[in-house]
C-alpha cells in the first residue's frame, strides 16, 4: 500500500492546511459552491471552482482525508486485508475555515451542497459552520450522494459562474439532485448493516437467501429495491433501471461507479452507451461510501439537466 499521509483536523479559529488555502489571485465570482468528497469531484478547488471538503477514513491507528491522503483503491485493499475501517464527517471547524477562505477570496455568498443527512451528519456540520460564517451560506441537503451529488454541484457551479445569485444557485442544486436516481448492486449487505445504513432485518434477509441485493436511494435513504442471484443478473438489472431513467430524462447525465471492480464498470458503461447512446462517465466510488458498501459494488447514477437556462 502506498504511503498514506495523516492530517489533523484544523483547530477552531485556525487555518486550513496549505492545500485548502485561497489562491493568491482573488476571484471575482460572487457566489461560490462547496460540496463534500462523497461527490467524487477532485478535492480542493476542483472542477469549475467547486471547493470540496473531505470526509475522513478512520482506521484503528490513523485518520485520513479521503481523496487527499487515501484513495478508494487504498480502502479496498484495507478491507480485503481485514482491517477495521470506519468513517467520520468533517468538523464544523473544517467548514468554517473553508467558508472564511472563500470570503477572503472575494466570495459574497456560498451554496454548500452535501450528501444526504439520512446517511451522514455532514450537512449538520456545514449548517453549524454557516450559522457563524462571515458571509451568507445556503446549506443544501442533496438527499443523495456520489454522482448524483456531483452532478448537482457541477450544475450549481455553472449557474454561479454565469453570475446567478445564491438563491438561484441553491435552487438549481436542489433541482438536479432531486432529478437524480442511483441504483447499485453489492456483493454483501454486511458493510451497510455494520455501518447502520441499512436495517438488520433487511441485511439478514439478503444474507440468508444468498442473493445480491439491488439497492437504491429513496428519500435520502438507502433501500432494498430487489434481489438477484448472480453478479451477471445484477448487471442486467442495473442496465434496465438506468436505461429507464435515461429514457425519461430530457438531458441526462450518467455516471458508472465501482469499488474495486474496474473491469466490470467498464463493461457496464460500454453496454449502457451502446444501449442508450448516452455519454457515460466512469469513476471510483468515494472511499467513504465504499467503506459502507464494500468491495465489488457497482453503481449507476442518472440525473436530468433539463432545459434549464441561467
C-alpha atoms as a PDB file:
ATOM      1  CA  UNK A   1       0.000   0.000   0.000  1.00  0.00           C
ATOM      2  CA  UNK A   2       1.376   3.470  -0.815  1.00  0.00           C
ATOM      3  CA  UNK A   3       2.343   5.782   1.986  1.00  0.00           C
ATOM      4  CA  UNK A   4      -0.736   7.464   3.441  1.00  0.00           C
ATOM      5  CA  UNK A   5      -0.386  10.897   4.935  1.00  0.00           C
ATOM      6  CA  UNK A   6      -2.285  11.883   8.053  1.00  0.00           C
ATOM      7  CA  UNK A   7      -3.537  15.433   8.549  1.00  0.00           C
ATOM      8  CA  UNK A   8      -5.201  16.577  11.784  1.00  0.00           C
ATOM      9  CA  UNK A   9      -8.444  18.491  11.802  1.00  0.00           C
ATOM     10  CA  UNK A  10      -7.890  22.260  11.972  1.00  0.00           C
ATOM     11  CA  UNK A  11      -8.390  23.893  15.337  1.00  0.00           C
ATOM     12  CA  UNK A  12     -11.318  26.215  15.910  1.00  0.00           C
ATOM     13  CA  UNK A  13     -10.333  29.627  14.606  1.00  0.00           C
ATOM     14  CA  UNK A  14      -7.216  28.173  12.946  1.00  0.00           C
ATOM     15  CA  UNK A  15      -6.183  27.967   9.326  1.00  0.00           C
ATOM     16  CA  UNK A  16      -6.569  25.050   6.969  1.00  0.00           C
ATOM     17  CA  UNK A  17      -3.528  23.106   5.746  1.00  0.00           C
ATOM     18  CA  UNK A  18      -1.865  24.710   2.729  1.00  0.00           C
ATOM     19  CA  UNK A  19      -3.870  22.678   0.202  1.00  0.00           C
ATOM     20  CA  UNK A  20      -7.087  24.412   1.374  1.00  0.00           C
ATOM     21  CA  UNK A  21      -5.768  27.978   1.436  1.00  0.00           C
ATOM     22  CA  UNK A  22      -7.081  30.519  -1.035  1.00  0.00           C
ATOM     23  CA  UNK A  23      -5.195  31.102  -4.271  1.00  0.00           C
ATOM     24  CA  UNK A  24      -3.016  34.177  -4.488  1.00  0.00           C
ATOM     25  CA  UNK A  25      -5.321  35.784  -7.061  1.00  0.00           C
ATOM     26  CA  UNK A  26      -8.739  36.794  -5.741  1.00  0.00           C
ATOM     27  CA  UNK A  27     -11.782  35.518  -7.595  1.00  0.00           C
ATOM     28  CA  UNK A  28     -14.380  37.930  -8.956  1.00  0.00           C
ATOM     29  CA  UNK A  29     -17.150  35.306  -8.751  1.00  0.00           C
ATOM     30  CA  UNK A  30     -19.778  36.440  -6.238  1.00  0.00           C
ATOM     31  CA  UNK A  31     -21.295  33.038  -5.389  1.00  0.00           C
ATOM     32  CA  UNK A  32     -19.109  30.012  -4.715  1.00  0.00           C
ATOM     33  CA  UNK A  33     -20.115  26.359  -4.428  1.00  0.00           C
ATOM     34  CA  UNK A  34     -18.896  23.993  -1.718  1.00  0.00           C
ATOM     35  CA  UNK A  35     -19.536  20.255  -1.648  1.00  0.00           C
ATOM     36  CA  UNK A  36     -18.018  17.220   0.065  1.00  0.00           C
ATOM     37  CA  UNK A  37     -15.788  14.414  -1.122  1.00  0.00           C
ATOM     38  CA  UNK A  38     -18.573  11.835  -1.488  1.00  0.00           C
ATOM     39  CA  UNK A  39     -19.415  13.748  -4.699  1.00  0.00           C
ATOM     40  CA  UNK A  40     -16.292  12.143  -6.226  1.00  0.00           C
ATOM     41  CA  UNK A  41     -15.110  15.505  -7.579  1.00  0.00           C
ATOM     42  CA  UNK A  42     -11.430  16.471  -7.207  1.00  0.00           C
ATOM     43  CA  UNK A  43     -10.619  17.610  -3.665  1.00  0.00           C
ATOM     44  CA  UNK A  44      -9.661  21.286  -3.261  1.00  0.00           C
ATOM     45  CA  UNK A  45     -10.505  23.988  -5.788  1.00  0.00           C
ATOM     46  CA  UNK A  46     -11.518  21.435  -8.402  1.00  0.00           C
ATOM     47  CA  UNK A  47     -13.856  21.439 -11.358  1.00  0.00           C
ATOM     48  CA  UNK A  48     -15.411  24.802 -12.190  1.00  0.00           C
ATOM     49  CA  UNK A  49     -14.075  26.315  -8.981  1.00  0.00           C
ATOM     50  CA  UNK A  50     -16.019  23.962  -6.694  1.00  0.00           C
ATOM     51  CA  UNK A  51     -14.453  23.687  -3.233  1.00  0.00           C
ATOM     52  CA  UNK A  52     -14.532  20.111  -1.936  1.00  0.00           C
ATOM     53  CA  UNK A  53     -14.367  19.421   1.810  1.00  0.00           C
ATOM     54  CA  UNK A  54     -13.144  15.875   2.518  1.00  0.00           C
ATOM     55  CA  UNK A  55     -14.785  13.343   4.785  1.00  0.00           C
ATOM     56  CA  UNK A  56     -12.419  11.091   6.694  1.00  0.00           C
ATOM     57  CA  UNK A  57     -11.490   7.422   6.594  1.00  0.00           C
ATOM     58  CA  UNK A  58     -10.610   6.133  10.061  1.00  0.00           C
ATOM     59  CA  UNK A  59      -8.604   3.052  10.980  1.00  0.00           C
ATOM     60  CA  UNK A  60      -7.534   1.824  14.403  1.00  0.00           C
ATOM     61  CA  UNK A  61      -4.338   3.876  14.156  1.00  0.00           C
ATOM     62  CA  UNK A  62      -4.873   6.727  11.731  1.00  0.00           C
ATOM     63  CA  UNK A  63      -7.409   9.115  10.242  1.00  0.00           C
ATOM     64  CA  UNK A  64      -7.164  10.246   6.615  1.00  0.00           C
ATOM     65  CA  UNK A  65      -8.789  12.849   4.380  1.00  0.00           C
ATOM     66  CA  UNK A  66     -10.387  10.933   1.524  1.00  0.00           C
ATOM     67  CA  UNK A  67      -9.191  11.980  -1.890  1.00  0.00           C
ATOM     68  CA  UNK A  68      -6.163  13.672  -0.315  1.00  0.00           C
ATOM     69  CA  UNK A  69      -4.430  11.151   1.944  1.00  0.00           C
ATOM     70  CA  UNK A  70      -6.224   7.951   0.944  1.00  0.00           C
ATOM     71  CA  UNK A  71      -7.808   6.702  -2.278  1.00  0.00           C
ATOM     72  CA  UNK A  72     -10.658   4.317  -2.972  1.00  0.00           C
ATOM     73  CA  UNK A  73      -8.104   1.695  -4.054  1.00  0.00           C
ATOM     74  CA  UNK A  74      -6.297   2.079  -0.707  1.00  0.00           C
ATOM     75  CA  UNK A  75      -9.515   1.415   1.184  1.00  0.00           C
ATOM     76  CA  UNK A  76     -10.385  -1.598  -0.978  1.00  0.00           C
ATOM     77  CA  UNK A  77      -7.017  -3.084  -0.006  1.00  0.00           C
ATOM     78  CA  UNK A  78      -7.587  -2.278   3.669  1.00  0.00           C
ATOM     79  CA  UNK A  79     -10.954  -4.038   3.671  1.00  0.00           C
ATOM     80  CA  UNK A  80      -9.661  -7.007   1.688  1.00  0.00           C
ATOM     81  CA  UNK A  81      -6.873  -7.385   4.275  1.00  0.00           C
ATOM     82  CA  UNK A  82      -9.429  -7.449   7.084  1.00  0.00           C
ATOM     83  CA  UNK A  83      -8.691  -4.018   8.544  1.00  0.00           C
ATOM     84  CA  UNK A  84     -11.350  -2.365  10.699  1.00  0.00           C
ATOM     85  CA  UNK A  85     -12.262   0.810   8.836  1.00  0.00           C
ATOM     86  CA  UNK A  86     -14.861   3.429   9.711  1.00  0.00           C
ATOM     87  CA  UNK A  87     -15.614   6.963   8.546  1.00  0.00           C
ATOM     88  CA  UNK A  88     -16.270  10.379  10.028  1.00  0.00           C
ATOM     89  CA  UNK A  89     -17.769  13.620   8.822  1.00  0.00           C
ATOM     90  CA  UNK A  90     -15.853  16.912   8.576  1.00  0.00           C
ATOM     91  CA  UNK A  91     -15.974  19.034  11.707  1.00  0.00           C
ATOM     92  CA  UNK A  92     -17.862  22.354  11.775  1.00  0.00           C
ATOM     93  CA  UNK A  93     -14.423  23.971  12.169  1.00  0.00           C
ATOM     94  CA  UNK A  94     -13.331  22.485   8.861  1.00  0.00           C
ATOM     95  CA  UNK A  95     -16.326  24.012   7.131  1.00  0.00           C
ATOM     96  CA  UNK A  96     -15.873  27.312   8.956  1.00  0.00           C
ATOM     97  CA  UNK A  97     -12.270  27.534   7.733  1.00  0.00           C
ATOM     98  CA  UNK A  98     -13.389  26.803   4.167  1.00  0.00           C
ATOM     99  CA  UNK A  99     -16.080  29.486   4.310  1.00  0.00           C
ATOM    100  CA  UNK A 100     -13.567  32.015   5.704  1.00  0.00           C
ATOM    101  CA  UNK A 101     -11.121  31.220   2.926  1.00  0.00           C
ATOM    102  CA  UNK A 102     -13.781  31.785   0.290  1.00  0.00           C
ATOM    103  CA  UNK A 103     -14.811  35.061   1.917  1.00  0.00           C
ATOM    104  CA  UNK A 104     -11.171  36.154   1.859  1.00  0.00           C
ATOM    105  CA  UNK A 105     -11.051  35.120  -1.808  1.00  0.00           C
ATOM    106  CA  UNK A 106     -13.830  37.561  -2.693  1.00  0.00           C
ATOM    107  CA  UNK A 107     -16.960  35.409  -2.396  1.00  0.00           C
ATOM    108  CA  UNK A 108     -20.059  37.283  -1.273  1.00  0.00           C
ATOM    109  CA  UNK A 109     -22.268  34.205  -0.792  1.00  0.00           C
ATOM    110  CA  UNK A 110     -21.812  30.432  -0.640  1.00  0.00           C
ATOM    111  CA  UNK A 111     -24.010  27.474  -1.578  1.00  0.00           C
ATOM    112  CA  UNK A 112     -22.864  24.435   0.401  1.00  0.00           C
ATOM    113  CA  UNK A 113     -24.280  21.209  -1.043  1.00  0.00           C
ATOM    114  CA  UNK A 114     -23.808  17.858   0.712  1.00  0.00           C
ATOM    115  CA  UNK A 115     -24.699  14.196   0.885  1.00  0.00           C
ATOM    116  CA  UNK A 116     -27.972  13.113   2.406  1.00  0.00           C
ATOM    117  CA  UNK A 117     -28.483  13.955   6.053  1.00  0.00           C
ATOM    118  CA  UNK A 118     -30.028  10.490   6.419  1.00  0.00           C
ATOM    119  CA  UNK A 119     -26.587   8.979   5.767  1.00  0.00           C
ATOM    120  CA  UNK A 120     -24.215  11.397   7.479  1.00  0.00           C
ATOM    121  CA  UNK A 121     -24.006  14.365   9.825  1.00  0.00           C
ATOM    122  CA  UNK A 122     -22.005  16.297   7.221  1.00  0.00           C
ATOM    123  CA  UNK A 123     -24.861  18.621   6.302  1.00  0.00           C
ATOM    124  CA  UNK A 124     -25.390  19.328  10.018  1.00  0.00           C
ATOM    125  CA  UNK A 125     -21.724  20.254  10.444  1.00  0.00           C
ATOM    126  CA  UNK A 126     -21.990  22.566   7.432  1.00  0.00           C
ATOM    127  CA  UNK A 127     -25.097  24.198   8.925  1.00  0.00           C
ATOM    128  CA  UNK A 128     -23.355  24.748  12.258  1.00  0.00           C
ATOM    129  CA  UNK A 129     -20.470  26.469  10.486  1.00  0.00           C
ATOM    130  CA  UNK A 130     -22.826  28.504   8.295  1.00  0.00           C
ATOM    131  CA  UNK A 131     -24.500  29.969  11.375  1.00  0.00           C
ATOM    132  CA  UNK A 132     -21.277  31.777  12.285  1.00  0.00           C
ATOM    133  CA  UNK A 133     -19.894  32.386   8.800  1.00  0.00           C
ATOM    134  CA  UNK A 134     -18.726  35.910   7.872  1.00  0.00           C
ATOM    135  CA  UNK A 135     -20.978  35.770   4.799  1.00  0.00           C
ATOM    136  CA  UNK A 136     -24.307  34.218   3.840  1.00  0.00           C
ATOM    137  CA  UNK A 137     -24.172  30.435   3.367  1.00  0.00           C
ATOM    138  CA  UNK A 138     -27.091  28.438   1.973  1.00  0.00           C
ATOM    139  CA  UNK A 139     -26.722  24.804   3.052  1.00  0.00           C
ATOM    140  CA  UNK A 140     -28.465  22.259   0.818  1.00  0.00           C
ATOM    141  CA  UNK A 141     -29.155  18.639   1.754  1.00  0.00           C
ATOM    142  CA  UNK A 142     -28.959  16.898  -1.627  1.00  0.00           C
ATOM    143  CA  UNK A 143     -30.768  13.788  -0.309  1.00  0.00           C
ATOM    144  CA  UNK A 144     -28.327  11.753  -2.375  1.00  0.00           C
ATOM    145  CA  UNK A 145     -24.602  11.017  -2.646  1.00  0.00           C
ATOM    146  CA  UNK A 146     -21.983  10.028  -5.201  1.00  0.00           C
ATOM    147  CA  UNK A 147     -22.523  11.111  -8.823  1.00  0.00           C
ATOM    148  CA  UNK A 148     -25.992  12.482  -8.059  1.00  0.00           C
ATOM    149  CA  UNK A 149     -24.352  14.927  -5.657  1.00  0.00           C
ATOM    150  CA  UNK A 150     -21.510  15.636  -8.086  1.00  0.00           C
ATOM    151  CA  UNK A 151     -23.880  16.363 -10.974  1.00  0.00           C
ATOM    152  CA  UNK A 152     -25.848  18.785  -8.783  1.00  0.00           C
ATOM    153  CA  UNK A 153     -22.671  20.558  -7.629  1.00  0.00           C
ATOM    154  CA  UNK A 154     -21.469  20.986 -11.214  1.00  0.00           C
ATOM    155  CA  UNK A 155     -24.816  22.369 -12.345  1.00  0.00           C
ATOM    156  CA  UNK A 156     -24.868  24.796  -9.413  1.00  0.00           C
ATOM    157  CA  UNK A 157     -21.322  25.920 -10.188  1.00  0.00           C
ATOM    158  CA  UNK A 158     -22.278  26.633 -13.797  1.00  0.00           C
ATOM    159  CA  UNK A 159     -25.041  28.925 -12.563  1.00  0.00           C
ATOM    160  CA  UNK A 160     -22.651  30.634 -10.164  1.00  0.00           C
ATOM    161  CA  UNK A 161     -20.096  31.162 -12.941  1.00  0.00           C
ATOM    162  CA  UNK A 162     -22.848  32.702 -15.081  1.00  0.00           C
ATOM    163  CA  UNK A 163     -23.441  35.330 -12.389  1.00  0.00           C
ATOM    164  CA  UNK A 164     -26.638  33.953 -10.862  1.00  0.00           C
ATOM    165  CA  UNK A 165     -27.461  34.852  -7.267  1.00  0.00           C
ATOM    166  CA  UNK A 166     -27.251  32.418  -4.345  1.00  0.00           C
ATOM    167  CA  UNK A 167     -30.997  31.659  -4.319  1.00  0.00           C
ATOM    168  CA  UNK A 168     -30.856  30.636  -7.981  1.00  0.00           C
ATOM    169  CA  UNK A 169     -27.698  28.558  -7.486  1.00  0.00           C
ATOM    170  CA  UNK A 170     -29.195  26.724  -4.484  1.00  0.00           C
ATOM    171  CA  UNK A 171     -32.453  26.083  -6.342  1.00  0.00           C
ATOM    172  CA  UNK A 172     -30.530  24.651  -9.301  1.00  0.00           C
ATOM    173  CA  UNK A 173     -28.577  22.359  -6.981  1.00  0.00           C
ATOM    174  CA  UNK A 174     -31.812  21.038  -5.479  1.00  0.00           C
ATOM    175  CA  UNK A 175     -33.426  20.620  -8.902  1.00  0.00           C
ATOM    176  CA  UNK A 176     -30.636  18.447 -10.308  1.00  0.00           C
ATOM    177  CA  UNK A 177     -30.198  16.486  -7.073  1.00  0.00           C
ATOM    178  CA  UNK A 178     -33.941  15.796  -6.938  1.00  0.00           C
ATOM    179  CA  UNK A 179     -33.866  14.547 -10.530  1.00  0.00           C
ATOM    180  CA  UNK A 180     -31.139  12.004  -9.837  1.00  0.00           C
ATOM    181  CA  UNK A 181     -31.613   8.272  -9.474  1.00  0.00           C
ATOM    182  CA  UNK A 182     -28.954   5.938  -8.088  1.00  0.00           C
ATOM    183  CA  UNK A 183     -29.014   2.152  -8.204  1.00  0.00           C
ATOM    184  CA  UNK A 184     -26.265  -0.189  -7.142  1.00  0.00           C
ATOM    185  CA  UNK A 185     -25.556  -3.830  -6.549  1.00  0.00           C
ATOM    186  CA  UNK A 186     -23.379  -5.002  -3.667  1.00  0.00           C
ATOM    187  CA  UNK A 187     -21.701  -8.325  -3.058  1.00  0.00           C
ATOM    188  CA  UNK A 188     -22.972  -8.371   0.530  1.00  0.00           C
ATOM    189  CA  UNK A 189     -25.158  -6.232   2.779  1.00  0.00           C
ATOM    190  CA  UNK A 190     -22.839  -6.770   5.736  1.00  0.00           C
ATOM    191  CA  UNK A 191     -20.921  -3.498   5.319  1.00  0.00           C
ATOM    192  CA  UNK A 192     -24.131  -1.452   5.179  1.00  0.00           C
ATOM    193  CA  UNK A 193     -25.591  -3.299   8.169  1.00  0.00           C
ATOM    194  CA  UNK A 194     -22.401  -2.843  10.204  1.00  0.00           C
ATOM    195  CA  UNK A 195     -22.335   0.878   9.482  1.00  0.00           C
ATOM    196  CA  UNK A 196     -26.002   1.336  10.401  1.00  0.00           C
ATOM    197  CA  UNK A 197     -27.007   2.416   6.873  1.00  0.00           C
ATOM    198  CA  UNK A 198     -29.415  -0.489   6.455  1.00  0.00           C
ATOM    199  CA  UNK A 199     -31.686  -2.217   8.923  1.00  0.00           C
ATOM    200  CA  UNK A 200     -30.514  -5.518  10.414  1.00  0.00           C
ATOM    201  CA  UNK A 201     -33.616  -7.471   9.269  1.00  0.00           C
ATOM    202  CA  UNK A 202     -33.131  -6.399   5.634  1.00  0.00           C
ATOM    203  CA  UNK A 203     -29.403  -7.182   5.788  1.00  0.00           C
ATOM    204  CA  UNK A 204     -30.126 -10.571   7.338  1.00  0.00           C
ATOM    205  CA  UNK A 205     -32.675 -11.368   4.628  1.00  0.00           C
ATOM    206  CA  UNK A 206     -30.121 -10.792   1.889  1.00  0.00           C
ATOM    207  CA  UNK A 207     -27.509 -12.897   3.682  1.00  0.00           C
ATOM    208  CA  UNK A 208     -29.813 -15.823   4.452  1.00  0.00           C
ATOM    209  CA  UNK A 209     -31.119 -16.058   0.906  1.00  0.00           C
ATOM    210  CA  UNK A 210     -27.613 -15.833  -0.553  1.00  0.00           C
ATOM    211  CA  UNK A 211     -28.617 -13.126  -3.034  1.00  0.00           C
ATOM    212  CA  UNK A 212     -27.021  -9.984  -4.422  1.00  0.00           C
ATOM    213  CA  UNK A 213     -29.160  -7.003  -3.448  1.00  0.00           C
ATOM    214  CA  UNK A 214     -30.128  -4.191  -5.826  1.00  0.00           C
ATOM    215  CA  UNK A 215     -30.219  -1.011  -3.726  1.00  0.00           C
ATOM    216  CA  UNK A 216     -31.469   2.472  -4.483  1.00  0.00           C
ATOM    217  CA  UNK A 217     -31.511   5.940  -2.946  1.00  0.00           C
ATOM    218  CA  UNK A 218     -35.048   6.908  -1.959  1.00  0.00           C
ATOM    219  CA  UNK A 219     -35.945   9.976   0.112  1.00  0.00           C
ATOM    220  CA  UNK A 220     -32.311  10.295   1.116  1.00  0.00           C
ATOM    221  CA  UNK A 221     -32.045   6.729   2.421  1.00  0.00           C
ATOM    222  CA  UNK A 222     -30.604   3.512   1.035  1.00  0.00           C
ATOM    223  CA  UNK A 223     -33.363   0.987   0.421  1.00  0.00           C
ATOM    224  CA  UNK A 224     -33.520  -2.534  -0.911  1.00  0.00           C
ATOM    225  CA  UNK A 225     -35.172  -2.451  -4.336  1.00  0.00           C
ATOM    226  CA  UNK A 226     -34.973  -6.119  -5.251  1.00  0.00           C
ATOM    227  CA  UNK A 227     -32.730  -9.176  -5.102  1.00  0.00           C
ATOM    228  CA  UNK A 228     -30.909 -11.087  -7.806  1.00  0.00           C
ATOM    229  CA  UNK A 229     -28.976 -14.323  -7.651  1.00  0.00           C
ATOM    230  CA  UNK A 230     -25.802 -13.554  -9.565  1.00  0.00           C
ATOM    231  CA  UNK A 231     -23.456 -10.723 -10.498  1.00  0.00           C
ATOM    232  CA  UNK A 232     -24.485 -11.111 -14.131  1.00  0.00           C
ATOM    233  CA  UNK A 233     -28.155 -10.715 -13.214  1.00  0.00           C
ATOM    234  CA  UNK A 234     -27.253  -7.691 -11.107  1.00  0.00           C
ATOM    235  CA  UNK A 235     -25.555  -6.015 -14.049  1.00  0.00           C
ATOM    236  CA  UNK A 236     -28.559  -6.713 -16.294  1.00  0.00           C
ATOM    237  CA  UNK A 237     -30.882  -5.132 -13.758  1.00  0.00           C
ATOM    238  CA  UNK A 238     -28.650  -2.063 -13.415  1.00  0.00           C
ATOM    239  CA  UNK A 239     -28.763  -1.701 -17.210  1.00  0.00           C
ATOM    240  CA  UNK A 240     -32.559  -1.937 -17.232  1.00  0.00           C
ATOM    241  CA  UNK A 241     -33.096   0.569 -14.408  1.00  0.00           C
ATOM    242  CA  UNK A 242     -30.536   3.045 -15.726  1.00  0.00           C
ATOM    243  CA  UNK A 243     -31.990   2.762 -19.213  1.00  0.00           C
ATOM    244  CA  UNK A 244     -35.438   3.657 -17.886  1.00  0.00           C
ATOM    245  CA  UNK A 245     -34.070   6.744 -16.102  1.00  0.00           C
ATOM    246  CA  UNK A 246     -32.136   7.870 -19.184  1.00  0.00           C
ATOM    247  CA  UNK A 247     -35.183   7.456 -21.435  1.00  0.00           C
ATOM    248  CA  UNK A 248     -37.290   9.562 -19.058  1.00  0.00           C
ATOM    249  CA  UNK A 249     -34.764  12.431 -18.882  1.00  0.00           C
ATOM    250  CA  UNK A 250     -34.739  15.495 -21.110  1.00  0.00           C
ATOM    251  CA  UNK A 251     -30.956  15.960 -20.907  1.00  0.00           C
ATOM    252  CA  UNK A 252     -29.453  13.057 -18.976  1.00  0.00           C
ATOM    253  CA  UNK A 253     -26.021  12.840 -17.416  1.00  0.00           C
ATOM    254  CA  UNK A 254     -24.844   9.366 -16.467  1.00  0.00           C
ATOM    255  CA  UNK A 255     -22.164   8.035 -14.154  1.00  0.00           C
ATOM    256  CA  UNK A 256     -20.991   4.477 -13.580  1.00  0.00           C
ATOM    257  CA  UNK A 257     -19.035   3.902 -10.377  1.00  0.00           C
ATOM    258  CA  UNK A 258     -17.302   0.937  -8.833  1.00  0.00           C
ATOM    259  CA  UNK A 259     -15.460  -0.011  -5.664  1.00  0.00           C
ATOM    260  CA  UNK A 260     -12.631  -2.312  -6.613  1.00  0.00           C
ATOM    261  CA  UNK A 261     -14.322  -3.571  -9.800  1.00  0.00           C
ATOM    262  CA  UNK A 262     -12.885  -1.519 -12.699  1.00  0.00           C
ATOM    263  CA  UNK A 263     -13.287  -4.175 -15.383  1.00  0.00           C
ATOM    264  CA  UNK A 264     -16.951  -4.739 -14.577  1.00  0.00           C
ATOM    265  CA  UNK A 265     -17.511  -0.960 -14.511  1.00  0.00           C
ATOM    266  CA  UNK A 266     -16.014  -0.581 -17.993  1.00  0.00           C
ATOM    267  CA  UNK A 267     -18.188  -3.414 -19.265  1.00  0.00           C
ATOM    268  CA  UNK A 268     -21.306  -1.893 -17.735  1.00  0.00           C
ATOM    269  CA  UNK A 269     -20.514   1.574 -19.120  1.00  0.00           C
ATOM    270  CA  UNK A 270     -19.854   0.185 -22.598  1.00  0.00           C
ATOM    271  CA  UNK A 271     -23.110  -1.720 -22.666  1.00  0.00           C
ATOM    272  CA  UNK A 272     -25.004   1.308 -21.354  1.00  0.00           C
ATOM    273  CA  UNK A 273     -23.518   3.530 -24.078  1.00  0.00           C
ATOM    274  CA  UNK A 274     -24.475   1.007 -26.741  1.00  0.00           C
ATOM    275  CA  UNK A 275     -27.997   0.586 -25.428  1.00  0.00           C
ATOM    276  CA  UNK A 276     -28.848   4.253 -24.789  1.00  0.00           C
ATOM    277  CA  UNK A 277     -26.326   6.271 -26.856  1.00  0.00           C
ATOM    278  CA  UNK A 278     -25.718   8.341 -23.735  1.00  0.00           C
ATOM    279  CA  UNK A 279     -22.311   9.607 -22.654  1.00  0.00           C
ATOM    280  CA  UNK A 280     -21.211   7.752 -19.526  1.00  0.00           C
ATOM    281  CA  UNK A 281     -18.566   8.782 -17.015  1.00  0.00           C
ATOM    282  CA  UNK A 282     -16.665   6.091 -15.099  1.00  0.00           C
ATOM    283  CA  UNK A 283     -15.160   6.713 -11.667  1.00  0.00           C
ATOM    284  CA  UNK A 284     -14.362   5.123  -8.326  1.00  0.00           C
ATOM    285  CA  UNK A 285     -16.989   5.118  -5.631  1.00  0.00           C
ATOM    286  CA  UNK A 286     -15.903   7.534  -2.901  1.00  0.00           C
ATOM    287  CA  UNK A 287     -13.631   5.841  -0.363  1.00  0.00           C
ATOM    288  CA  UNK A 288     -16.005   6.867   2.443  1.00  0.00           C
ATOM    289  CA  UNK A 289     -19.047   5.443   0.682  1.00  0.00           C
ATOM    290  CA  UNK A 290     -17.003   2.382  -0.250  1.00  0.00           C
ATOM    291  CA  UNK A 291     -16.384   1.590   3.411  1.00  0.00           C
ATOM    292  CA  UNK A 292     -20.142   1.186   3.826  1.00  0.00           C
ATOM    293  CA  UNK A 293     -21.000  -0.653   0.610  1.00  0.00           C
ATOM    294  CA  UNK A 294     -17.927  -2.890   0.399  1.00  0.00           C
ATOM    295  CA  UNK A 295     -15.592  -4.120  -2.362  1.00  0.00           C
ATOM    296  CA  UNK A 296     -17.202  -5.325  -5.566  1.00  0.00           C
ATOM    297  CA  UNK A 297     -20.010  -2.739  -5.537  1.00  0.00           C
ATOM    298  CA  UNK A 298     -21.198  -1.447  -8.909  1.00  0.00           C
ATOM    299  CA  UNK A 299     -23.438   1.610  -9.272  1.00  0.00           C
ATOM    300  CA  UNK A 300     -25.173   3.765 -11.882  1.00  0.00           C
ATOM    301  CA  UNK A 301     -26.459   7.288 -11.328  1.00  0.00           C
ATOM    302  CA  UNK A 302     -28.565   9.340 -13.742  1.00  0.00           C
ATOM    303  CA  UNK A 303     -29.557  12.993 -13.372  1.00  0.00           C
ATOM    304  CA  UNK A 304     -31.603  15.223 -15.652  1.00  0.00           C
ATOM    305  CA  UNK A 305     -30.142  18.644 -16.502  1.00  0.00           C
ATOM    306  CA  UNK A 306     -33.422  19.520 -18.232  1.00  0.00           C
ATOM    307  CA  UNK A 307     -33.821  22.648 -20.332  1.00  0.00           C
ATOM    308  CA  UNK A 308     -32.551  24.994 -17.624  1.00  0.00           C
ATOM    309  CA  UNK A 309     -31.363  28.455 -18.608  1.00  0.00           C
ATOM    310  CA  UNK A 310     -29.292  30.714 -16.353  1.00  0.00           C
END
